[in-house]
Protein backbone atom coordinates (compact mmCIF):
# COMPACT_ATOMS: atom_id res chain seq x y z
CA UNK A 1 0.00 0.00 0.00
CA UNK A 2 2.84 2.40 0.86
CA UNK A 3 4.40 1.79 -2.55
CA UNK A 4 1.18 2.77 -4.32
CA UNK A 5 1.02 5.94 -2.23
CA UNK A 6 4.63 6.77 -3.16
CA UNK A 7 3.78 6.34 -6.84
CA UNK A 8 0.73 8.57 -6.48
CA UNK A 9 2.78 11.28 -4.74
CA UNK A 10 5.52 11.12 -7.38
CA UNK A 11 3.00 11.32 -10.21
CA UNK A 12 1.31 14.27 -8.49
CA UNK A 13 4.67 16.05 -8.16
CA UNK A 14 5.36 15.55 -11.88
CA UNK A 15 1.90 16.85 -12.74
CA UNK A 16 2.36 19.94 -10.58
CA UNK A 17 5.60 20.72 -12.38
CA UNK A 18 3.90 20.24 -15.74
CA UNK A 19 1.08 22.57 -14.64
CA UNK A 20 3.63 25.22 -13.63
CA UNK A 21 5.43 24.92 -16.94
CA UNK A 22 2.15 25.16 -18.86
CA UNK A 23 1.25 28.32 -16.94
CA UNK A 24 4.64 29.81 -17.79
CA UNK A 25 4.17 28.95 -21.46
CA UNK A 26 0.78 30.66 -21.53
CA UNK A 27 2.15 33.82 -19.95
CA UNK A 28 5.17 33.84 -22.29
CA UNK A 29 2.90 33.42 -25.32
CA UNK A 30 0.68 36.23 -24.06
CA UNK A 31 3.71 38.49 -23.76
CA UNK A 32 4.93 37.48 -27.23
CA UNK A 33 1.54 38.28 -28.76
CA UNK A 34 1.45 41.68 -27.03
CA UNK A 35 4.68 42.52 -28.84
CA UNK A 36 3.61 41.08 -32.18
CA UNK A 37 0.38 43.08 -31.91
CA UNK A 38 2.49 46.23 -31.56
CA UNK A 39 4.50 45.10 -34.59
CA UNK A 40 1.24 44.69 -36.52
CA UNK A 41 0.22 48.28 -35.79
CA UNK A 42 3.73 49.48 -36.67
CA UNK A 43 3.53 47.65 -40.00
CA UNK A 44 0.11 49.15 -40.70
CA UNK A 45 1.34 52.65 -39.85
CA UNK A 46 4.35 52.29 -42.15
CA UNK A 47 2.54 50.37 -44.89
CA UNK A 48 4.63 47.23 -44.46
CA UNK A 49 3.34 43.78 -45.47
CA UNK A 50 1.90 41.51 -42.75
CA UNK A 51 4.38 38.71 -43.56
CA UNK A 52 8.16 38.81 -43.87
CA UNK A 53 9.37 35.53 -45.37
CA UNK A 54 13.07 36.20 -44.79
CA UNK A 55 12.45 36.99 -41.10
CA UNK A 56 10.30 33.87 -40.77
CA UNK A 57 13.05 31.70 -42.26
CA UNK A 58 15.64 33.24 -39.94
CA UNK A 59 13.39 32.50 -36.97
CA UNK A 60 12.84 28.89 -38.07
CA UNK A 61 16.57 28.31 -38.46
CA UNK A 62 17.32 29.99 -35.12
CA UNK A 63 14.65 27.99 -33.29
CA UNK A 64 15.79 24.71 -34.84
CA UNK A 65 19.33 25.40 -33.63
CA UNK A 66 18.06 26.27 -30.16
CA UNK A 67 15.98 23.09 -30.11
CA UNK A 68 19.00 20.97 -31.00
CA UNK A 69 21.05 22.56 -28.22
CA UNK A 70 18.19 21.92 -25.77
CA UNK A 71 17.77 18.28 -26.89
CA UNK A 72 14.31 19.06 -28.26
CA UNK A 73 13.14 17.66 -31.58
CA UNK A 74 13.85 20.42 -34.15
CA UNK A 75 10.89 19.23 -36.26
CA UNK A 76 8.56 19.79 -33.32
CA UNK A 77 10.00 23.22 -32.62
CA UNK A 78 9.57 24.20 -36.26
CA UNK A 79 5.95 23.03 -36.31
CA UNK A 80 5.28 25.03 -33.15
CA UNK A 81 6.92 28.16 -34.56
CA UNK A 82 5.06 27.81 -37.88
CA UNK A 83 1.78 27.68 -35.95
CA UNK A 84 2.71 30.83 -34.02
CA UNK A 85 3.84 32.60 -37.20
CA UNK A 86 0.54 31.80 -38.95
CA UNK A 87 -1.38 33.26 -36.01
CA UNK A 88 0.77 36.40 -35.98
CA UNK A 89 0.32 36.95 -39.72
CA UNK A 90 -3.45 36.55 -39.35
CA UNK A 91 -3.38 39.15 -36.57
CA UNK A 92 -1.32 41.51 -38.73
CA UNK A 93 -3.72 41.05 -41.64
CA UNK A 94 -6.70 41.88 -39.40
CA UNK A 95 -4.91 44.93 -38.04
CA UNK A 96 -4.12 46.05 -41.59
CA UNK A 97 -7.71 45.53 -42.77
CA UNK A 98 -9.66 46.70 -39.72
CA UNK A 99 -7.16 48.68 -37.67
CA UNK A 100 -7.72 46.26 -34.77
CA UNK A 101 -7.55 42.61 -33.81
PDB file of N, CA and C in Angstrom:
ATOM      1  N   UNK A   1       0.827  -1.202   0.000  1.00  0.00           N
ATOM      2  CA  UNK A   1       0.000   0.000   0.000  1.00  0.00           C
ATOM      3  C   UNK A   1       0.865   1.257   0.000  1.00  0.00           C
ATOM      4  N   UNK A   2       1.955   1.229   0.778  1.00  0.00           N
ATOM      5  CA  UNK A   2       2.835   2.396   0.855  1.00  0.00           C
ATOM      6  C   UNK A   2       3.480   2.672  -0.495  1.00  0.00           C
ATOM      7  N   UNK A   3       3.801   1.624  -1.225  1.00  0.00           N
ATOM      8  CA  UNK A   3       4.402   1.793  -2.547  1.00  0.00           C
ATOM      9  C   UNK A   3       3.438   2.495  -3.490  1.00  0.00           C
ATOM     10  N   UNK A   4       2.180   2.120  -3.474  1.00  0.00           N
ATOM     11  CA  UNK A   4       1.177   2.769  -4.318  1.00  0.00           C
ATOM     12  C   UNK A   4       1.045   4.241  -3.953  1.00  0.00           C
ATOM     13  N   UNK A   5       1.100   4.554  -2.681  1.00  0.00           N
ATOM     14  CA  UNK A   5       1.019   5.945  -2.226  1.00  0.00           C
ATOM     15  C   UNK A   5       2.244   6.730  -2.694  1.00  0.00           C
ATOM     16  N   UNK A   6       3.414   6.118  -2.662  1.00  0.00           N
ATOM     17  CA  UNK A   6       4.633   6.767  -3.155  1.00  0.00           C
ATOM     18  C   UNK A   6       4.519   7.071  -4.647  1.00  0.00           C
ATOM     19  N   UNK A   7       3.968   6.136  -5.400  1.00  0.00           N
ATOM     20  CA  UNK A   7       3.782   6.337  -6.840  1.00  0.00           C
ATOM     21  C   UNK A   7       2.805   7.479  -7.097  1.00  0.00           C
ATOM     22  N   UNK A   8       1.728   7.511  -6.332  1.00  0.00           N
ATOM     23  CA  UNK A   8       0.734   8.565  -6.482  1.00  0.00           C
ATOM     24  C   UNK A   8       1.345   9.931  -6.165  1.00  0.00           C
ATOM     25  N   UNK A   9       2.131  10.005  -5.108  1.00  0.00           N
ATOM     26  CA  UNK A   9       2.782  11.276  -4.739  1.00  0.00           C
ATOM     27  C   UNK A   9       3.759  11.727  -5.821  1.00  0.00           C
ATOM     28  N   UNK A  10       4.547  10.776  -6.340  1.00  0.00           N
ATOM     29  CA  UNK A  10       5.516  11.123  -7.382  1.00  0.00           C
ATOM     30  C   UNK A  10       4.808  11.610  -8.640  1.00  0.00           C
ATOM     31  N   UNK A  11       3.754  10.913  -9.029  1.00  0.00           N
ATOM     32  CA  UNK A  11       3.000  11.323 -10.210  1.00  0.00           C
ATOM     33  C   UNK A  11       2.396  12.705  -9.998  1.00  0.00           C
ATOM     34  N   UNK A  12       1.875  12.963  -8.800  1.00  0.00           N
ATOM     35  CA  UNK A  12       1.308  14.275  -8.486  1.00  0.00           C
ATOM     36  C   UNK A  12       2.381  15.359  -8.568  1.00  0.00           C
ATOM     37  N   UNK A  13       3.569  15.080  -8.094  1.00  0.00           N
ATOM     38  CA  UNK A  13       4.671  16.054  -8.161  1.00  0.00           C
ATOM     39  C   UNK A  13       5.023  16.358  -9.614  1.00  0.00           C
ATOM     40  N   UNK A  14       5.099  15.324 -10.448  1.00  0.00           N
ATOM     41  CA  UNK A  14       5.358  15.546 -11.875  1.00  0.00           C
ATOM     42  C   UNK A  14       4.267  16.418 -12.490  1.00  0.00           C
ATOM     43  N   UNK A  15       3.027  16.107 -12.170  1.00  0.00           N
ATOM     44  CA  UNK A  15       1.905  16.848 -12.742  1.00  0.00           C
ATOM     45  C   UNK A  15       1.914  18.309 -12.292  1.00  0.00           C
ATOM     46  N   UNK A  16       2.269  18.553 -11.054  1.00  0.00           N
ATOM     47  CA  UNK A  16       2.356  19.937 -10.578  1.00  0.00           C
ATOM     48  C   UNK A  16       3.426  20.707 -11.340  1.00  0.00           C
ATOM     49  N   UNK A  17       4.546  20.065 -11.597  1.00  0.00           N
ATOM     50  CA  UNK A  17       5.604  20.717 -12.385  1.00  0.00           C
ATOM     51  C   UNK A  17       5.124  20.999 -13.802  1.00  0.00           C
ATOM     52  N   UNK A  18       4.439  20.038 -14.398  1.00  0.00           N
ATOM     53  CA  UNK A  18       3.897  20.243 -15.744  1.00  0.00           C
ATOM     54  C   UNK A  18       2.916  21.408 -15.745  1.00  0.00           C
ATOM     55  N   UNK A  19       2.056  21.470 -14.738  1.00  0.00           N
ATOM     56  CA  UNK A  19       1.084  22.572 -14.642  1.00  0.00           C
ATOM     57  C   UNK A  19       1.791  23.916 -14.538  1.00  0.00           C
ATOM     58  N   UNK A  20       2.858  23.978 -13.759  1.00  0.00           N
ATOM     59  CA  UNK A  20       3.626  25.223 -13.626  1.00  0.00           C
ATOM     60  C   UNK A  20       4.272  25.618 -14.950  1.00  0.00           C
ATOM     61  N   UNK A  21       4.814  24.652 -15.638  1.00  0.00           N
ATOM     62  CA  UNK A  21       5.433  24.923 -16.938  1.00  0.00           C
ATOM     63  C   UNK A  21       4.382  25.398 -17.932  1.00  0.00           C
ATOM     64  N   UNK A  22       3.223  24.742 -17.952  1.00  0.00           N
ATOM     65  CA  UNK A  22       2.146  25.158 -18.855  1.00  0.00           C
ATOM     66  C   UNK A  22       1.723  26.598 -18.570  1.00  0.00           C
ATOM     67  N   UNK A  23       1.613  26.943 -17.297  1.00  0.00           N
ATOM     68  CA  UNK A  23       1.249  28.319 -16.940  1.00  0.00           C
ATOM     69  C   UNK A  23       2.304  29.298 -17.451  1.00  0.00           C
ATOM     70  N   UNK A  24       3.560  28.949 -17.294  1.00  0.00           N
ATOM     71  CA  UNK A  24       4.640  29.814 -17.795  1.00  0.00           C
ATOM     72  C   UNK A  24       4.561  29.976 -19.304  1.00  0.00           C
ATOM     73  N   UNK A  25       4.295  28.884 -20.006  1.00  0.00           N
ATOM     74  CA  UNK A  25       4.170  28.951 -21.464  1.00  0.00           C
ATOM     75  C   UNK A  25       3.047  29.885 -21.876  1.00  0.00           C
ATOM     76  N   UNK A  26       1.912  29.799 -21.198  1.00  0.00           N
ATOM     77  CA  UNK A  26       0.776  30.656 -21.533  1.00  0.00           C
ATOM     78  C   UNK A  26       1.141  32.122 -21.329  1.00  0.00           C
ATOM     79  N   UNK A  27       1.779  32.434 -20.209  1.00  0.00           N
ATOM     80  CA  UNK A  27       2.154  33.824 -19.950  1.00  0.00           C
ATOM     81  C   UNK A  27       3.217  34.317 -20.933  1.00  0.00           C
ATOM     82  N   UNK A  28       4.150  33.456 -21.310  1.00  0.00           N
ATOM     83  CA  UNK A  28       5.166  33.836 -22.294  1.00  0.00           C
ATOM     84  C   UNK A  28       4.531  34.074 -23.658  1.00  0.00           C
ATOM     85  N   UNK A  29       3.597  33.219 -24.048  1.00  0.00           N
ATOM     86  CA  UNK A  29       2.904  33.422 -25.321  1.00  0.00           C
ATOM     87  C   UNK A  29       2.085  34.706 -25.294  1.00  0.00           C
ATOM     88  N   UNK A  30       1.445  34.988 -24.170  1.00  0.00           N
ATOM     89  CA  UNK A  30       0.678  36.232 -24.059  1.00  0.00           C
ATOM     90  C   UNK A  30       1.594  37.436 -24.241  1.00  0.00           C
ATOM     91  N   UNK A  31       2.757  37.390 -23.634  1.00  0.00           N
ATOM     92  CA  UNK A  31       3.715  38.494 -23.765  1.00  0.00           C
ATOM     93  C   UNK A  31       4.198  38.607 -25.211  1.00  0.00           C
ATOM     94  N   UNK A  32       4.473  37.474 -25.829  1.00  0.00           N
ATOM     95  CA  UNK A  32       4.927  37.476 -27.227  1.00  0.00           C
ATOM     96  C   UNK A  32       3.867  38.102 -28.133  1.00  0.00           C
ATOM     97  N   UNK A  33       2.599  37.740 -27.918  1.00  0.00           N
ATOM     98  CA  UNK A  33       1.542  38.276 -28.764  1.00  0.00           C
ATOM     99  C   UNK A  33       1.268  39.750 -28.489  1.00  0.00           C
ATOM    100  N   UNK A  34       1.543  40.237 -27.283  1.00  0.00           N
ATOM    101  CA  UNK A  34       1.449  41.683 -27.032  1.00  0.00           C
ATOM    102  C   UNK A  34       2.434  42.426 -27.930  1.00  0.00           C
ATOM    103  N   UNK A  35       3.646  41.884 -28.022  1.00  0.00           N
ATOM    104  CA  UNK A  35       4.682  42.524 -28.838  1.00  0.00           C
ATOM    105  C   UNK A  35       4.358  42.403 -30.322  1.00  0.00           C
ATOM    106  N   UNK A  36       3.917  41.220 -30.759  1.00  0.00           N
ATOM    107  CA  UNK A  36       3.608  41.077 -32.183  1.00  0.00           C
ATOM    108  C   UNK A  36       2.402  41.925 -32.572  1.00  0.00           C
ATOM    109  N   UNK A  37       1.502  42.171 -31.633  1.00  0.00           N
ATOM    110  CA  UNK A  37       0.384  43.085 -31.909  1.00  0.00           C
ATOM    111  C   UNK A  37       0.920  44.486 -32.170  1.00  0.00           C
ATOM    112  N   UNK A  38       1.866  44.919 -31.350  1.00  0.00           N
ATOM    113  CA  UNK A  38       2.489  46.233 -31.558  1.00  0.00           C
ATOM    114  C   UNK A  38       3.195  46.276 -32.910  1.00  0.00           C
ATOM    115  N   UNK A  39       3.846  45.184 -33.281  1.00  0.00           N
ATOM    116  CA  UNK A  39       4.500  45.103 -34.591  1.00  0.00           C
ATOM    117  C   UNK A  39       3.457  45.239 -35.697  1.00  0.00           C
ATOM    118  N   UNK A  40       2.308  44.598 -35.520  1.00  0.00           N
ATOM    119  CA  UNK A  40       1.240  44.690 -36.519  1.00  0.00           C
ATOM    120  C   UNK A  40       0.786  46.125 -36.733  1.00  0.00           C
ATOM    121  N   UNK A  41       0.613  46.876 -35.649  1.00  0.00           N
ATOM    122  CA  UNK A  41       0.220  48.279 -35.787  1.00  0.00           C
ATOM    123  C   UNK A  41       1.343  49.112 -36.401  1.00  0.00           C
ATOM    124  N   UNK A  42       2.587  48.787 -36.068  1.00  0.00           N
ATOM    125  CA  UNK A  42       3.733  49.477 -36.668  1.00  0.00           C
ATOM    126  C   UNK A  42       3.751  49.231 -38.178  1.00  0.00           C
ATOM    127  N   UNK A  43       3.540  47.977 -38.575  1.00  0.00           N
ATOM    128  CA  UNK A  43       3.529  47.645 -39.998  1.00  0.00           C
ATOM    129  C   UNK A  43       2.397  48.371 -40.716  1.00  0.00           C
ATOM    130  N   UNK A  44       1.238  48.438 -40.098  1.00  0.00           N
ATOM    131  CA  UNK A  44       0.114  49.155 -40.705  1.00  0.00           C
ATOM    132  C   UNK A  44       0.460  50.629 -40.880  1.00  0.00           C
ATOM    133  N   UNK A  45       1.001  51.221 -39.834  1.00  0.00           N
ATOM    134  CA  UNK A  45       1.337  52.647 -39.851  1.00  0.00           C
ATOM    135  C   UNK A  45       2.360  52.979 -40.934  1.00  0.00           C
ATOM    136  N   UNK A  46       3.271  52.045 -41.180  1.00  0.00           N
ATOM    137  CA  UNK A  46       4.350  52.285 -42.145  1.00  0.00           C
ATOM    138  C   UNK A  46       4.142  51.538 -43.456  1.00  0.00           C
ATOM    139  N   UNK A  47       2.922  51.046 -43.657  1.00  0.00           N
ATOM    140  CA  UNK A  47       2.539  50.369 -44.892  1.00  0.00           C
ATOM    141  C   UNK A  47       3.492  49.228 -45.251  1.00  0.00           C
ATOM    142  N   UNK A  48       3.785  48.398 -44.256  1.00  0.00           N
ATOM    143  CA  UNK A  48       4.634  47.227 -44.463  1.00  0.00           C
ATOM    144  C   UNK A  48       3.744  45.989 -44.569  1.00  0.00           C
ATOM    145  N   UNK A  49       4.163  44.975 -45.304  1.00  0.00           N
ATOM    146  CA  UNK A  49       3.336  43.783 -45.467  1.00  0.00           C
ATOM    147  C   UNK A  49       3.207  42.996 -44.152  1.00  0.00           C
ATOM    148  N   UNK A  50       2.097  42.289 -43.982  1.00  0.00           N
ATOM    149  CA  UNK A  50       1.897  41.509 -42.752  1.00  0.00           C
ATOM    150  C   UNK A  50       2.934  40.399 -42.556  1.00  0.00           C
ATOM    151  N   UNK A  51       3.414  39.814 -43.644  1.00  0.00           N
ATOM    152  CA  UNK A  51       4.376  38.710 -43.558  1.00  0.00           C
ATOM    153  C   UNK A  51       5.743  39.164 -44.040  1.00  0.00           C
ATOM    154  N   UNK A  52       6.772  38.550 -43.473  1.00  0.00           N
ATOM    155  CA  UNK A  52       8.158  38.813 -43.874  1.00  0.00           C
ATOM    156  C   UNK A  52       8.851  37.452 -43.966  1.00  0.00           C
ATOM    157  N   UNK A  53       8.859  36.889 -45.167  1.00  0.00           N
ATOM    158  CA  UNK A  53       9.366  35.528 -45.370  1.00  0.00           C
ATOM    159  C   UNK A  53      10.821  35.357 -44.947  1.00  0.00           C
ATOM    160  N   UNK A  54      11.666  36.348 -45.185  1.00  0.00           N
ATOM    161  CA  UNK A  54      13.072  36.196 -44.793  1.00  0.00           C
ATOM    162  C   UNK A  54      13.199  36.160 -43.275  1.00  0.00           C
ATOM    163  N   UNK A  55      12.439  36.998 -42.573  1.00  0.00           N
ATOM    164  CA  UNK A  55      12.446  36.987 -41.098  1.00  0.00           C
ATOM    165  C   UNK A  55      11.926  35.649 -40.576  1.00  0.00           C
ATOM    166  N   UNK A  56      10.857  35.153 -41.194  1.00  0.00           N
ATOM    167  CA  UNK A  56      10.296  33.872 -40.768  1.00  0.00           C
ATOM    168  C   UNK A  56      11.329  32.761 -40.911  1.00  0.00           C
ATOM    169  N   UNK A  57      12.045  32.738 -42.042  1.00  0.00           N
ATOM    170  CA  UNK A  57      13.051  31.698 -42.263  1.00  0.00           C
ATOM    171  C   UNK A  57      14.187  31.815 -41.254  1.00  0.00           C
ATOM    172  N   UNK A  58      14.602  33.041 -40.960  1.00  0.00           N
ATOM    173  CA  UNK A  58      15.642  33.245 -39.941  1.00  0.00           C
ATOM    174  C   UNK A  58      15.182  32.698 -38.591  1.00  0.00           C
ATOM    175  N   UNK A  59      13.926  32.966 -38.245  1.00  0.00           N
ATOM    176  CA  UNK A  59      13.387  32.501 -36.966  1.00  0.00           C
ATOM    177  C   UNK A  59      13.324  30.970 -36.923  1.00  0.00           C
ATOM    178  N   UNK A  60      12.908  30.348 -38.013  1.00  0.00           N
ATOM    179  CA  UNK A  60      12.840  28.891 -38.067  1.00  0.00           C
ATOM    180  C   UNK A  60      14.234  28.307 -37.869  1.00  0.00           C
ATOM    181  N   UNK A  61      15.206  28.824 -38.580  1.00  0.00           N
ATOM    182  CA  UNK A  61      16.572  28.311 -38.456  1.00  0.00           C
ATOM    183  C   UNK A  61      17.110  28.517 -37.044  1.00  0.00           C
ATOM    184  N   UNK A  62      16.854  29.685 -36.477  1.00  0.00           N
ATOM    185  CA  UNK A  62      17.322  29.986 -35.123  1.00  0.00           C
ATOM    186  C   UNK A  62      16.666  29.055 -34.104  1.00  0.00           C
ATOM    187  N   UNK A  63      15.351  28.848 -34.239  1.00  0.00           N
ATOM    188  CA  UNK A  63      14.651  27.993 -33.292  1.00  0.00           C
ATOM    189  C   UNK A  63      15.069  26.532 -33.429  1.00  0.00           C
ATOM    190  N   UNK A  64      15.313  26.087 -34.649  1.00  0.00           N
ATOM    191  CA  UNK A  64      15.788  24.710 -34.841  1.00  0.00           C
ATOM    192  C   UNK A  64      17.138  24.512 -34.165  1.00  0.00           C
ATOM    193  N   UNK A  65      18.024  25.486 -34.286  1.00  0.00           N
ATOM    194  CA  UNK A  65      19.335  25.396 -33.632  1.00  0.00           C
ATOM    195  C   UNK A  65      19.178  25.394 -32.110  1.00  0.00           C
ATOM    196  N   UNK A  66      18.312  26.253 -31.606  1.00  0.00           N
ATOM    197  CA  UNK A  66      18.059  26.267 -30.163  1.00  0.00           C
ATOM    198  C   UNK A  66      17.490  24.933 -29.697  1.00  0.00           C
ATOM    199  N   UNK A  67      16.574  24.379 -30.471  1.00  0.00           N
ATOM    200  CA  UNK A  67      15.976  23.094 -30.115  1.00  0.00           C
ATOM    201  C   UNK A  67      17.041  22.010 -30.034  1.00  0.00           C
ATOM    202  N   UNK A  68      17.921  21.975 -31.021  1.00  0.00           N
ATOM    203  CA  UNK A  68      18.996  20.973 -31.002  1.00  0.00           C
ATOM    204  C   UNK A  68      19.842  21.117 -29.753  1.00  0.00           C
ATOM    205  N   UNK A  69      20.202  22.355 -29.398  1.00  0.00           N
ATOM    206  CA  UNK A  69      21.055  22.562 -28.220  1.00  0.00           C
ATOM    207  C   UNK A  69      20.322  22.223 -26.926  1.00  0.00           C
ATOM    208  N   UNK A  70      18.987  22.241 -26.951  1.00  0.00           N
ATOM    209  CA  UNK A  70      18.192  21.921 -25.771  1.00  0.00           C
ATOM    210  C   UNK A  70      17.721  20.460 -25.777  1.00  0.00           C
ATOM    211  N   UNK A  71      18.198  19.682 -26.742  1.00  0.00           N
ATOM    212  CA  UNK A  71      17.772  18.284 -26.891  1.00  0.00           C
ATOM    213  C   UNK A  71      16.261  18.157 -27.100  1.00  0.00           C
ATOM    214  N   UNK A  72      15.717  19.083 -27.878  1.00  0.00           N
ATOM    215  CA  UNK A  72      14.308  19.057 -28.258  1.00  0.00           C
ATOM    216  C   UNK A  72      14.254  18.771 -29.752  1.00  0.00           C
ATOM    217  N   UNK A  73      13.292  18.017 -30.164  1.00  0.00           N
ATOM    218  CA  UNK A  73      13.140  17.664 -31.575  1.00  0.00           C
ATOM    219  C   UNK A  73      12.983  18.934 -32.414  1.00  0.00           C
ATOM    220  N   UNK A  74      13.929  19.219 -33.321  1.00  0.00           N
ATOM    221  CA  UNK A  74      13.846  20.423 -34.154  1.00  0.00           C
ATOM    222  C   UNK A  74      12.592  20.455 -35.029  1.00  0.00           C
ATOM    223  N   UNK A  75      12.112  19.285 -35.447  1.00  0.00           N
ATOM    224  CA  UNK A  75      10.888  19.233 -36.258  1.00  0.00           C
ATOM    225  C   UNK A  75       9.701  19.742 -35.439  1.00  0.00           C
ATOM    226  N   UNK A  76       9.631  19.322 -34.191  1.00  0.00           N
ATOM    227  CA  UNK A  76       8.556  19.785 -33.319  1.00  0.00           C
ATOM    228  C   UNK A  76       8.646  21.293 -33.116  1.00  0.00           C
ATOM    229  N   UNK A  77       9.844  21.783 -32.857  1.00  0.00           N
ATOM    230  CA  UNK A  77       9.997  23.223 -32.620  1.00  0.00           C
ATOM    231  C   UNK A  77       9.611  24.021 -33.859  1.00  0.00           C
ATOM    232  N   UNK A  78       9.939  23.502 -35.032  1.00  0.00           N
ATOM    233  CA  UNK A  78       9.570  24.204 -36.260  1.00  0.00           C
ATOM    234  C   UNK A  78       8.053  24.209 -36.451  1.00  0.00           C
ATOM    235  N   UNK A  79       7.407  23.085 -36.199  1.00  0.00           N
ATOM    236  CA  UNK A  79       5.946  23.032 -36.315  1.00  0.00           C
ATOM    237  C   UNK A  79       5.300  24.025 -35.354  1.00  0.00           C
ATOM    238  N   UNK A  80       5.809  24.093 -34.151  1.00  0.00           N
ATOM    239  CA  UNK A  80       5.279  25.025 -33.155  1.00  0.00           C
ATOM    240  C   UNK A  80       5.455  26.469 -33.634  1.00  0.00           C
ATOM    241  N   UNK A  81       6.658  26.803 -34.099  1.00  0.00           N
ATOM    242  CA  UNK A  81       6.917  28.158 -34.564  1.00  0.00           C
ATOM    243  C   UNK A  81       6.060  28.492 -35.780  1.00  0.00           C
ATOM    244  N   UNK A  82       5.893  27.557 -36.697  1.00  0.00           N
ATOM    245  CA  UNK A  82       5.058  27.807 -37.876  1.00  0.00           C
ATOM    246  C   UNK A  82       3.621  28.112 -37.462  1.00  0.00           C
ATOM    247  N   UNK A  83       3.124  27.404 -36.454  1.00  0.00           N
ATOM    248  CA  UNK A  83       1.782  27.677 -35.949  1.00  0.00           C
ATOM    249  C   UNK A  83       1.703  29.104 -35.402  1.00  0.00           C
ATOM    250  N   UNK A  84       2.684  29.484 -34.603  1.00  0.00           N
ATOM    251  CA  UNK A  84       2.707  30.827 -34.019  1.00  0.00           C
ATOM    252  C   UNK A  84       2.808  31.880 -35.124  1.00  0.00           C
ATOM    253  N   UNK A  85       3.669  31.652 -36.094  1.00  0.00           N
ATOM    254  CA  UNK A  85       3.844  32.600 -37.197  1.00  0.00           C
ATOM    255  C   UNK A  85       2.529  32.792 -37.960  1.00  0.00           C
ATOM    256  N   UNK A  86       1.827  31.688 -38.244  1.00  0.00           N
ATOM    257  CA  UNK A  86       0.539  31.798 -38.947  1.00  0.00           C
ATOM    258  C   UNK A  86      -0.447  32.657 -38.158  1.00  0.00           C
ATOM    259  N   UNK A  87      -0.491  32.463 -36.853  1.00  0.00           N
ATOM    260  CA  UNK A  87      -1.381  33.263 -36.008  1.00  0.00           C
ATOM    261  C   UNK A  87      -0.987  34.741 -36.046  1.00  0.00           C
ATOM    262  N   UNK A  88       0.296  35.015 -35.960  1.00  0.00           N
ATOM    263  CA  UNK A  88       0.775  36.401 -35.979  1.00  0.00           C
ATOM    264  C   UNK A  88       0.417  37.063 -37.305  1.00  0.00           C
ATOM    265  N   UNK A  89       0.644  36.376 -38.402  1.00  0.00           N
ATOM    266  CA  UNK A  89       0.324  36.945 -39.720  1.00  0.00           C
ATOM    267  C   UNK A  89      -1.174  37.223 -39.830  1.00  0.00           C
ATOM    268  N   UNK A  90      -2.003  36.306 -39.343  1.00  0.00           N
ATOM    269  CA  UNK A  90      -3.448  36.550 -39.354  1.00  0.00           C
ATOM    270  C   UNK A  90      -3.792  37.796 -38.537  1.00  0.00           C
ATOM    271  N   UNK A  91      -3.149  37.955 -37.386  1.00  0.00           N
ATOM    272  CA  UNK A  91      -3.377  39.155 -36.570  1.00  0.00           C
ATOM    273  C   UNK A  91      -2.962  40.406 -37.340  1.00  0.00           C
ATOM    274  N   UNK A  92      -1.801  40.351 -37.976  1.00  0.00           N
ATOM    275  CA  UNK A  92      -1.318  41.509 -38.733  1.00  0.00           C
ATOM    276  C   UNK A  92      -2.253  41.841 -39.903  1.00  0.00           C
ATOM    277  N   UNK A  93      -2.773  40.806 -40.545  1.00  0.00           N
ATOM    278  CA  UNK A  93      -3.719  41.048 -41.645  1.00  0.00           C
ATOM    279  C   UNK A  93      -4.997  41.711 -41.130  1.00  0.00           C
ATOM    280  N   UNK A  94      -5.499  41.242 -39.982  1.00  0.00           N
ATOM    281  CA  UNK A  94      -6.704  41.877 -39.399  1.00  0.00           C
ATOM    282  C   UNK A  94      -6.436  43.308 -38.998  1.00  0.00           C
ATOM    283  N   UNK A  95      -5.273  43.564 -38.420  1.00  0.00           N
ATOM    284  CA  UNK A  95      -4.913  44.928 -38.040  1.00  0.00           C
ATOM    285  C   UNK A  95      -4.855  45.808 -39.279  1.00  0.00           C
ATOM    286  N   UNK A  96      -4.243  45.304 -40.340  1.00  0.00           N
ATOM    287  CA  UNK A  96      -4.119  46.055 -41.592  1.00  0.00           C
ATOM    288  C   UNK A  96      -5.493  46.366 -42.187  1.00  0.00           C
ATOM    289  N   UNK A  97      -6.392  45.376 -42.164  1.00  0.00           N
ATOM    290  CA  UNK A  97      -7.713  45.534 -42.769  1.00  0.00           C
ATOM    291  C   UNK A  97      -8.664  46.359 -41.906  1.00  0.00           C
ATOM    292  N   UNK A  98      -8.662  46.095 -40.607  1.00  0.00           N
ATOM    293  CA  UNK A  98      -9.661  46.704 -39.720  1.00  0.00           C
ATOM    294  C   UNK A  98      -9.096  47.738 -38.748  1.00  0.00           C
ATOM    295  N   UNK A  99      -7.770  47.765 -38.637  1.00  0.00           N
ATOM    296  CA  UNK A  99      -7.165  48.678 -37.666  1.00  0.00           C
ATOM    297  C   UNK A  99      -7.245  48.159 -36.249  1.00  0.00           C
ATOM    298  N   UNK A 100      -7.619  46.881 -36.097  1.00  0.00           N
ATOM    299  CA  UNK A 100      -7.719  46.264 -34.772  1.00  0.00           C
ATOM    300  C   UNK A 100      -7.625  44.747 -34.913  1.00  0.00           C
ATOM    301  N   UNK A 101      -7.542  44.077 -33.800  1.00  0.00           N
ATOM    302  CA  UNK A 101      -7.554  42.608 -33.815  1.00  0.00           C
ATOM    303  C   UNK A 101      -8.966  42.094 -33.744  1.00  0.00           C
TER     304      UNK A 101
END
